[in-house]
Amino acid sequence: MTIRKVLIANRGEIAVRIIRAAHDLGIETVLVASEADADSGATRMADKVVVLGPAPSKASYLVPELIVHAALSTSCDAVHPGYGFLSERAILPELCDKHGLRFIGPKATTIQSLGNKVAARKIAKASAVPLVKGTSNITDKEKAKREAETIGYPVLMKAASGGGGRGMFVASDEKDIDAQFESASKEAEEAFGDGNLYLEQYIENARHVEVQIAGDGKGRAVHFGDRDCSVQRRYQKMIEEGPCSIMSDTSRESMRSAAVKLMADLNYSNLGTVEFVYDPKRDEFFFIEVNTRIQVEHPVSEQVSGVDLIKLQFALAEGNPNVLPAQNQIVIKGHAIECRINAEDPENNFFPSPGRIANWSPPQGSGIRVDSHCFSGYQVPPFYDSMIGKLIITAPDRNAAIARAIAALENFSIEGIKTNLNLLLDVLRDQCFRDNRFSTKWLENDFLNSHVRD
């Protein structure tokens, strides 16, 4: 089926990214927006805008019936969910299928089976993907303490039905579980509609490494390299890069192959990401989860592979069996770094900084890409994630990419609101980052203690 008109069920920079790809393909775009997003870079670019409702996501972006109604009333052929919001909820592709709309993503049954992290572990085990020690669903803290004793402290508690750091904490002993279990379960319930948690072994000084995958839904899958997403604060990624230059070639190839096999075994269709925890000390990797959508950091893989992943999503959704390239056609070259630009104040406990942008002047030049929905005069709303853009740098190697990223950030001017530009500069200049001596806890446990006043 040829897609002629697509409804974009998202906002911000990813909406802009999808609109540009669609227009390049000759596809008409319809963008849904809340009242707070009625004037943004995305709404100015879309062919048509449908205002869904009030600013709160629960009254707009998170109402699948409104999304589908908007698509049908504007004669769309397909729906692209972007990331976040409804992108990993099976209800949206189910409704799309019911009403004859093409969902640009995996099947509802795939999203459902991989959305629960405990079930996803069982699927990964069936495909012989390495797993850390873990549990099934846990509904009370007494069981959590018994399981933690079996696994051995420290342990990582995670939401069974979601990601993004919601409901997640590290427990070093029983006191930590007593102190945090109920609040973590409540957070998981509010974020994902499921308060169940589960435990897994916590690997200290670990790296978060993921593999970008695409599948044709018929048992064939390929990868577009890996990404190191270890610079995180409270489980939220801040800087991503690819490839992960600290891994041995043997482990890298094994990890990529494991990710491809997992998705091929599932007959996975469209794009997804298989996430792993990597132990540099032992040069071992273990499965974390599968994200059944495009991710914020997808430009890293685009830059090193030369493949436009959003355009590939459209082609795969159209059902053309020949659009998925052969693995030997995908050449990973160079190094890419992505920095997330957030409207927040690192000097004030990262307090959000909504407001009007007086001046938006992104850097330009060779190897520099900026994905954003912002412009001079744009009013940053207080209702959503604080990310207002992404700086993506590409260079022949990691050291050159770091140098280029520093220069680009120095020439990135945003006035009128607080941002994390200076913090990103400090991270890139830090010797631990430059020497690849960091972990997923390095930023908040070590770096921020000496650089930012909490």
Foldseek 3Di string as FASTA:
>chain_A
DAWAEEEELDDKLQLVLLLVLCVVVNHAYEYEAEPLRCDWLNVVRHPYYHHQYHDACVRGSQDLVSSVVVCVVVVGQAYEHADPRCFLALVNLVVCVVVRHQYLFWHSVVSVQQQFQQSQVVLLVVLVFFAFDKDHWDDDLVVVQVVCVVNDPFKWKAQRRHDQLQLIDTDRHSVVSVVRLVVSLVRSCVRPVGSIIMIGYDDPQKWKKKWKKAALLQLFMATLAMKTQQADDSSHGFKIKPDPVLADPVLRVVVRVSVRSSCSVVSTHAIKMWMWIADSVVNHIHTRGMGGHDDPPCVNSCQQFVDSRSNLSSVSSVNDNPSDDDRVNGGGFFMKMKGFKFQFALQVVRHHKWAAWQAWDFDDDPQWDKRFGHGHGDTGDPNDGGTGIMIMGTDRYDVVRLVVLLVRLVRTDTPDTDICSVVVNVQSPDPCVVVVNGGNCCVPPPVCVPPYND
